[in-house]
Amino acid sequence: MCLAVPGKIVSIHGQNATIDFGGVQREANVSLVEPKVGDYVVVHAGFAIQVVDEEDAKETIKLWEELMASQQEP
């Protein structure tokens, strides 16, 4: 099973982009979608596979952060 958390595109250079996942930046190929800087995308196996609405992305990120916080509570 895969769990995808949206990341925000901070720069695009050719078919690759730098994507920020909550402070961690990774490179991904964006040739399968048509994103622009500032868009949120879902990445799988090094490829951006979907551009996500900003509101939906932020809600997903919020839920992910809540889940991670609940795992750290004693």
PDB file of N, CA and C in Angstrom:
ATOM      1  N   MET A   1       0.844  -1.174   0.000  1.00  0.00           N
ATOM      2  CA  MET A   1       0.000   0.000   0.000  1.00  0.00           C
ATOM      3  C   MET A   1       0.890   1.239   0.000  1.00  0.00           C
ATOM      4  N   CYS A   2       0.512   2.247  -0.754  1.00  0.00           N
ATOM      5  CA  CYS A   2       1.253   3.501  -0.808  1.00  0.00           C
ATOM      6  C   CYS A   2       0.428   4.609  -0.177  1.00  0.00           C
ATOM      7  N   LEU A   3       1.115   5.526   0.450  1.00  0.00           N
ATOM      8  CA  LEU A   3       0.482   6.696   1.018  1.00  0.00           C
ATOM      9  C   LEU A   3       1.168   7.900   0.410  1.00  0.00           C
ATOM     10  N   ALA A   4       0.419   8.740  -0.254  1.00  0.00           N
ATOM     11  CA  ALA A   4       1.011   9.901  -0.918  1.00  0.00           C
ATOM     12  C   ALA A   4       0.625  11.174  -0.189  1.00  0.00           C
ATOM     13  N   VAL A   5       1.637  11.968   0.124  1.00  0.00           N
ATOM     14  CA  VAL A   5       1.432  13.264   0.746  1.00  0.00           C
ATOM     15  C   VAL A   5       1.821  14.318  -0.282  1.00  0.00           C
ATOM     16  N   PRO A   6       0.967  15.307  -0.510  1.00  0.00           N
ATOM     17  CA  PRO A   6       1.289  16.330  -1.515  1.00  0.00           C
ATOM     18  C   PRO A   6       2.506  17.152  -1.123  1.00  0.00           C
ATOM     19  N   GLY A   7       3.238  17.576  -2.138  1.00  0.00           N
ATOM     20  CA  GLY A   7       4.367  18.477  -1.948  1.00  0.00           C
ATOM     21  C   GLY A   7       4.188  19.689  -2.843  1.00  0.00           C
ATOM     22  N   LYS A   8       4.815  20.790  -2.467  1.00  0.00           N
ATOM     23  CA  LYS A   8       4.686  22.044  -3.218  1.00  0.00           C
ATOM     24  C   LYS A   8       5.907  22.255  -4.109  1.00  0.00           C
ATOM     25  N   ILE A   9       5.658  22.541  -5.363  1.00  0.00           N
ATOM     26  CA  ILE A   9       6.742  22.782  -6.323  1.00  0.00           C
ATOM     27  C   ILE A   9       7.363  24.145  -6.042  1.00  0.00           C
ATOM     28  N   VAL A  10       8.686  24.127  -5.821  1.00  0.00           N
ATOM     29  CA  VAL A  10       9.400  25.377  -5.559  1.00  0.00           C
ATOM     30  C   VAL A  10      10.202  25.849  -6.773  1.00  0.00           C
ATOM     31  N   SER A  11      10.545  24.929  -7.662  1.00  0.00           N
ATOM     32  CA  SER A  11      11.205  25.327  -8.906  1.00  0.00           C
ATOM     33  C   SER A  11      11.049  24.208  -9.932  1.00  0.00           C
ATOM     34  N   ILE A  12      11.076  24.617 -11.188  1.00  0.00           N
ATOM     35  CA  ILE A  12      10.989  23.662 -12.288  1.00  0.00           C
ATOM     36  C   ILE A  12      12.162  23.928 -13.213  1.00  0.00           C
ATOM     37  N   HIS A  13      12.839  22.850 -13.589  1.00  0.00           N
ATOM     38  CA  HIS A  13      13.969  22.970 -14.512  1.00  0.00           C
ATOM     39  C   HIS A  13      13.878  21.811 -15.490  1.00  0.00           C
ATOM     40  N   GLY A  14      13.395  22.132 -16.684  1.00  0.00           N
ATOM     41  CA  GLY A  14      13.183  21.098 -17.700  1.00  0.00           C
ATOM     42  C   GLY A  14      12.057  20.178 -17.282  1.00  0.00           C
ATOM     43  N   GLN A  15      12.318  18.881 -17.300  1.00  0.00           N
ATOM     44  CA  GLN A  15      11.299  17.903 -16.924  1.00  0.00           C
ATOM     45  C   GLN A  15      11.361  17.543 -15.447  1.00  0.00           C
ATOM     46  N   ASN A  16      12.216  18.210 -14.695  1.00  0.00           N
ATOM     47  CA  ASN A  16      12.348  17.943 -13.269  1.00  0.00           C
ATOM     48  C   ASN A  16      11.938  19.157 -12.456  1.00  0.00           C
ATOM     49  N   ALA A  17      11.551  18.899 -11.213  1.00  0.00           N
ATOM     50  CA  ALA A  17      11.169  19.975 -10.318  1.00  0.00           C
ATOM     51  C   ALA A  17      11.704  19.679  -8.929  1.00  0.00           C
ATOM     52  N   THR A  18      11.925  20.744  -8.180  1.00  0.00           N
ATOM     53  CA  THR A  18      12.241  20.625  -6.769  1.00  0.00           C
ATOM     54  C   THR A  18      10.923  20.787  -6.031  1.00  0.00           C
ATOM     55  N   ILE A  19      10.614  19.804  -5.189  1.00  0.00           N
ATOM     56  CA  ILE A  19       9.334  19.770  -4.496  1.00  0.00           C
ATOM     57  C   ILE A  19       9.581  19.741  -3.001  1.00  0.00           C
ATOM     58  N   ASP A  20       8.865  20.615  -2.283  1.00  0.00           N
ATOM     59  CA  ASP A  20       9.014  20.729  -0.841  1.00  0.00           C
ATOM     60  C   ASP A  20       7.924  19.911  -0.147  1.00  0.00           C
ATOM     61  N   PHE A  21       8.362  18.971   0.677  1.00  0.00           N
ATOM     62  CA  PHE A  21       7.460  18.145   1.478  1.00  0.00           C
ATOM     63  C   PHE A  21       7.677  18.523   2.938  1.00  0.00           C
ATOM     64  N   GLY A  22       7.068  19.613   3.371  1.00  0.00           N
ATOM     65  CA  GLY A  22       7.174  20.028   4.765  1.00  0.00           C
ATOM     66  C   GLY A  22       8.583  20.335   5.213  1.00  0.00           C
ATOM     67  N   GLY A  23       9.356  20.975   4.382  1.00  0.00           N
ATOM     68  CA  GLY A  23      10.721  21.336   4.730  1.00  0.00           C
ATOM     69  C   GLY A  23      11.778  20.416   4.145  1.00  0.00           C
ATOM     70  N   VAL A  24      11.373  19.274   3.655  1.00  0.00           N
ATOM     71  CA  VAL A  24      12.291  18.353   2.997  1.00  0.00           C
ATOM     72  C   VAL A  24      12.091  18.499   1.493  1.00  0.00           C
ATOM     73  N   GLN A  25      13.161  18.853   0.791  1.00  0.00           N
ATOM     74  CA  GLN A  25      13.043  19.051  -0.648  1.00  0.00           C
ATOM     75  C   GLN A  25      13.606  17.860  -1.404  1.00  0.00           C
ATOM     76  N   ARG A  26      12.860  17.448  -2.416  1.00  0.00           N
ATOM     77  CA  ARG A  26      13.250  16.318  -3.259  1.00  0.00           C
ATOM     78  C   ARG A  26      13.040  16.702  -4.712  1.00  0.00           C
ATOM     79  N   GLU A  27      13.784  16.033  -5.579  1.00  0.00           N
ATOM     80  CA  GLU A  27      13.624  16.205  -7.024  1.00  0.00           C
ATOM     81  C   GLU A  27      12.658  15.150  -7.540  1.00  0.00           C
ATOM     82  N   ALA A  28      11.832  15.529  -8.520  1.00  0.00           N
ATOM     83  CA  ALA A  28      10.925  14.580  -9.157  1.00  0.00           C
ATOM     84  C   ALA A  28      10.726  14.985 -10.608  1.00  0.00           C
ATOM     85  N   ASN A  29      10.457  14.009 -11.444  1.00  0.00           N
ATOM     86  CA  ASN A  29      10.155  14.240 -12.847  1.00  0.00           C
ATOM     87  C   ASN A  29       8.709  14.708 -12.949  1.00  0.00           C
ATOM     88  N   VAL A  30       8.465  15.774 -13.708  1.00  0.00           N
ATOM     89  CA  VAL A  30       7.110  16.328 -13.837  1.00  0.00           C
ATOM     90  C   VAL A  30       6.576  16.211 -15.266  1.00  0.00           C
ATOM     91  N   SER A  31       7.172  15.325 -16.057  1.00  0.00           N
ATOM     92  CA  SER A  31       6.775  15.204 -17.464  1.00  0.00           C
ATOM     93  C   SER A  31       5.379  14.615 -17.651  1.00  0.00           C
ATOM     94  N   LEU A  32       4.808  13.998 -16.625  1.00  0.00           N
ATOM     95  CA  LEU A  32       3.478  13.385 -16.760  1.00  0.00           C
ATOM     96  C   LEU A  32       2.335  14.349 -16.453  1.00  0.00           C
ATOM     97  N   VAL A  33       2.666  15.517 -15.905  1.00  0.00           N
ATOM     98  CA  VAL A  33       1.650  16.508 -15.538  1.00  0.00           C
ATOM     99  C   VAL A  33       2.075  17.866 -16.083  1.00  0.00           C
ATOM    100  N   GLU A  34       1.228  18.862 -15.936  1.00  0.00           N
ATOM    101  CA  GLU A  34       1.551  20.209 -16.400  1.00  0.00           C
ATOM    102  C   GLU A  34       1.504  21.174 -15.222  1.00  0.00           C
ATOM    103  N   PRO A  35       2.487  21.089 -14.345  1.00  0.00           N
ATOM    104  CA  PRO A  35       2.469  21.932 -13.149  1.00  0.00           C
ATOM    105  C   PRO A  35       3.164  23.270 -13.368  1.00  0.00           C
ATOM    106  N   LYS A  36       2.972  24.161 -12.418  1.00  0.00           N
ATOM    107  CA  LYS A  36       3.720  25.411 -12.389  1.00  0.00           C
ATOM    108  C   LYS A  36       4.231  25.612 -10.965  1.00  0.00           C
ATOM    109  N   VAL A  37       5.189  26.477 -10.803  1.00  0.00           N
ATOM    110  CA  VAL A  37       5.742  26.753  -9.481  1.00  0.00           C
ATOM    111  C   VAL A  37       4.603  27.186  -8.561  1.00  0.00           C
ATOM    112  N   GLY A  38       4.564  26.608  -7.374  1.00  0.00           N
ATOM    113  CA  GLY A  38       3.510  26.905  -6.404  1.00  0.00           C
ATOM    114  C   GLY A  38       2.414  25.851  -6.368  1.00  0.00           C
ATOM    115  N   ASP A  39       2.333  25.018  -7.407  1.00  0.00           N
ATOM    116  CA  ASP A  39       1.336  23.936  -7.423  1.00  0.00           C
ATOM    117  C   ASP A  39       1.729  22.844  -6.433  1.00  0.00           C
ATOM    118  N   TYR A  40       0.729  22.129  -5.962  1.00  0.00           N
ATOM    119  CA  TYR A  40       0.954  20.941  -5.142  1.00  0.00           C
ATOM    120  C   TYR A  40       0.795  19.720  -6.035  1.00  0.00           C
ATOM    121  N   VAL A  41       1.677  18.751  -5.850  1.00  0.00           N
ATOM    122  CA  VAL A  41       1.627  17.526  -6.641  1.00  0.00           C
ATOM    123  C   VAL A  41       1.772  16.310  -5.747  1.00  0.00           C
ATOM    124  N   VAL A  42       1.287  15.186  -6.259  1.00  0.00           N
ATOM    125  CA  VAL A  42       1.492  13.889  -5.632  1.00  0.00           C
ATOM    126  C   VAL A  42       2.584  13.198  -6.428  1.00  0.00           C
ATOM    127  N   VAL A  43       3.594  12.668  -5.727  1.00  0.00           N
ATOM    128  CA  VAL A  43       4.746  12.031  -6.373  1.00  0.00           C
ATOM    129  C   VAL A  43       4.749  10.545  -6.029  1.00  0.00           C
ATOM    130  N   HIS A  44       4.984   9.729  -7.047  1.00  0.00           N
ATOM    131  CA  HIS A  44       5.116   8.281  -6.843  1.00  0.00           C
ATOM    132  C   HIS A  44       6.289   7.794  -7.674  1.00  0.00           C
ATOM    133  N   ALA A  45       7.199   7.089  -7.035  1.00  0.00           N
ATOM    134  CA  ALA A  45       8.356   6.493  -7.713  1.00  0.00           C
ATOM    135  C   ALA A  45       9.150   7.528  -8.508  1.00  0.00           C
ATOM    136  N   GLY A  46       9.260   8.745  -7.954  1.00  0.00           N
ATOM    137  CA  GLY A  46      10.072   9.770  -8.594  1.00  0.00           C
ATOM    138  C   GLY A  46       9.377  10.583  -9.670  1.00  0.00           C
ATOM    139  N   PHE A  47       8.086  10.323  -9.891  1.00  0.00           N
ATOM    140  CA  PHE A  47       7.319  11.054 -10.899  1.00  0.00           C
ATOM    141  C   PHE A  47       6.133  11.760 -10.251  1.00  0.00           C
ATOM    142  N   ALA A  48       5.923  13.021 -10.596  1.00  0.00           N
ATOM    143  CA  ALA A  48       4.700  13.705 -10.193  1.00  0.00           C
ATOM    144  C   ALA A  48       3.580  13.105 -11.035  1.00  0.00           C
ATOM    145  N   ILE A  49       2.569  12.553 -10.370  1.00  0.00           N
ATOM    146  CA  ILE A  49       1.506  11.866 -11.112  1.00  0.00           C
ATOM    147  C   ILE A  49       0.180  12.613 -11.093  1.00  0.00           C
ATOM    148  N   GLN A  50       0.083  13.657 -10.266  1.00  0.00           N
ATOM    149  CA  GLN A  50      -1.170  14.401 -10.197  1.00  0.00           C
ATOM    150  C   GLN A  50      -0.918  15.779  -9.603  1.00  0.00           C
ATOM    151  N   VAL A  51      -1.527  16.802 -10.197  1.00  0.00           N
ATOM    152  CA  VAL A  51      -1.552  18.132  -9.602  1.00  0.00           C
ATOM    153  C   VAL A  51      -2.778  18.159  -8.703  1.00  0.00           C
ATOM    154  N   VAL A  52      -2.598  18.647  -7.475  1.00  0.00           N
ATOM    155  CA  VAL A  52      -3.663  18.630  -6.476  1.00  0.00           C
ATOM    156  C   VAL A  52      -4.088  20.056  -6.155  1.00  0.00           C
ATOM    157  N   ASP A  53      -5.392  20.256  -6.000  1.00  0.00           N
ATOM    158  CA  ASP A  53      -5.934  21.546  -5.590  1.00  0.00           C
ATOM    159  C   ASP A  53      -5.279  21.970  -4.269  1.00  0.00           C
ATOM    160  N   GLU A  54      -4.920  23.250  -4.153  1.00  0.00           N
ATOM    161  CA  GLU A  54      -4.209  23.728  -2.963  1.00  0.00           C
ATOM    162  C   GLU A  54      -4.986  23.463  -1.673  1.00  0.00           C
ATOM    163  N   GLU A  55      -6.276  23.707  -1.682  1.00  0.00           N
ATOM    164  CA  GLU A  55      -7.093  23.482  -0.482  1.00  0.00           C
ATOM    165  C   GLU A  55      -7.078  22.011  -0.068  1.00  0.00           C
ATOM    166  N   ASP A  56      -7.234  21.124  -1.039  1.00  0.00           N
ATOM    167  CA  ASP A  56      -7.194  19.684  -0.749  1.00  0.00           C
ATOM    168  C   ASP A  56      -5.811  19.266  -0.253  1.00  0.00           C
ATOM    169  N   ALA A  57      -4.779  19.816  -0.870  1.00  0.00           N
ATOM    170  CA  ALA A  57      -3.408  19.487  -0.464  1.00  0.00           C
ATOM    171  C   ALA A  57      -3.160  19.903   0.977  1.00  0.00           C
ATOM    172  N   LYS A  58      -3.559  21.116   1.328  1.00  0.00           N
ATOM    173  CA  LYS A  58      -3.339  21.603   2.693  1.00  0.00           C
ATOM    174  C   LYS A  58      -4.124  20.781   3.714  1.00  0.00           C
ATOM    175  N   GLU A  59      -5.322  20.359   3.368  1.00  0.00           N
ATOM    176  CA  GLU A  59      -6.121  19.512   4.268  1.00  0.00           C
ATOM    177  C   GLU A  59      -5.448  18.154   4.453  1.00  0.00           C
ATOM    178  N   THR A  60      -4.942  17.580   3.378  1.00  0.00           N
ATOM    179  CA  THR A  60      -4.241  16.295   3.465  1.00  0.00           C
ATOM    180  C   THR A  60      -2.982  16.419   4.318  1.00  0.00           C
ATOM    181  N   ILE A  61      -2.235  17.495   4.126  1.00  0.00           N
ATOM    182  CA  ILE A  61      -1.021  17.724   4.909  1.00  0.00           C
ATOM    183  C   ILE A  61      -1.366  17.890   6.387  1.00  0.00           C
ATOM    184  N   LYS A  62      -2.436  18.620   6.670  1.00  0.00           N
ATOM    185  CA  LYS A  62      -2.872  18.806   8.060  1.00  0.00           C
ATOM    186  C   LYS A  62      -3.220  17.463   8.700  1.00  0.00           C
ATOM    187  N   LEU A  63      -3.965  16.634   7.993  1.00  0.00           N
ATOM    188  CA  LEU A  63      -4.331  15.321   8.520  1.00  0.00           C
ATOM    189  C   LEU A  63      -3.091  14.452   8.735  1.00  0.00           C
ATOM    190  N   TRP A  64      -2.142  14.516   7.808  1.00  0.00           N
ATOM    191  CA  TRP A  64      -0.903  13.750   7.943  1.00  0.00           C
ATOM    192  C   TRP A  64      -0.136  14.190   9.191  1.00  0.00           C
ATOM    193  N   GLU A  65      -0.041  15.518   9.401  1.00  0.00           N
ATOM    194  CA  GLU A  65       0.664  16.033  10.577  1.00  0.00           C
ATOM    195  C   GLU A  65      -0.019  15.587  11.870  1.00  0.00           C
ATOM    196  N   GLU A  66      -1.356  15.583  11.887  1.00  0.00           N
ATOM    197  CA  GLU A  66      -2.098  15.123  13.062  1.00  0.00           C
ATOM    198  C   GLU A  66      -1.834  13.640  13.319  1.00  0.00           C
ATOM    199  N   LEU A  67      -1.806  12.856  12.265  1.00  0.00           N
ATOM    200  CA  LEU A  67      -1.529  11.424  12.404  1.00  0.00           C
ATOM    201  C   LEU A  67      -0.129  11.197  12.962  1.00  0.00           C
ATOM    202  N   MET A  68       0.849  11.909  12.423  1.00  0.00           N
ATOM    203  CA  MET A  68       2.221  11.757  12.894  1.00  0.00           C
ATOM    204  C   MET A  68       2.355  12.198  14.349  1.00  0.00           C
ATOM    205  N   ALA A  69       1.673  13.282  14.726  1.00  0.00           N
ATOM    206  CA  ALA A  69       1.723  13.758  16.116  1.00  0.00           C
ATOM    207  C   ALA A  69       1.097  12.742  17.062  1.00  0.00           C
ATOM    208  N   SER A  70       0.033  12.105  16.632  1.00  0.00           N
ATOM    209  CA  SER A  70      -0.634  11.123  17.508  1.00  0.00           C
ATOM    210  C   SER A  70       0.239   9.883  17.715  1.00  0.00           C
ATOM    211  N   GLN A  71       1.119   9.584  16.782  1.00  0.00           N
ATOM    212  CA  GLN A  71       2.022   8.453  16.908  1.00  0.00           C
ATOM    213  C   GLN A  71       3.157   8.725  17.887  1.00  0.00           C
ATOM    214  N   GLN A  72       3.416   9.998  18.157  1.00  0.00           N
ATOM    215  CA  GLN A  72       4.505  10.362  19.049  1.00  0.00           C
ATOM    216  C   GLN A  72       4.051  10.554  20.487  1.00  0.00           C
ATOM    217  N   GLU A  73       2.738  10.586  20.703  1.00  0.00           N
ATOM    218  CA  GLU A  73       2.222  10.762  22.062  1.00  0.00           C
ATOM    219  C   GLU A  73       2.396   9.484  22.854  1.00  0.00           C
ATOM    220  N   PRO A  74       2.743   9.605  24.148  1.00  0.00           N
ATOM    221  CA  PRO A  74       2.940   8.403  24.981  1.00  0.00           C
ATOM    222  C   PRO A  74       1.654   7.678  25.270  1.00  0.00           C
TER     223      PRO A  74
END
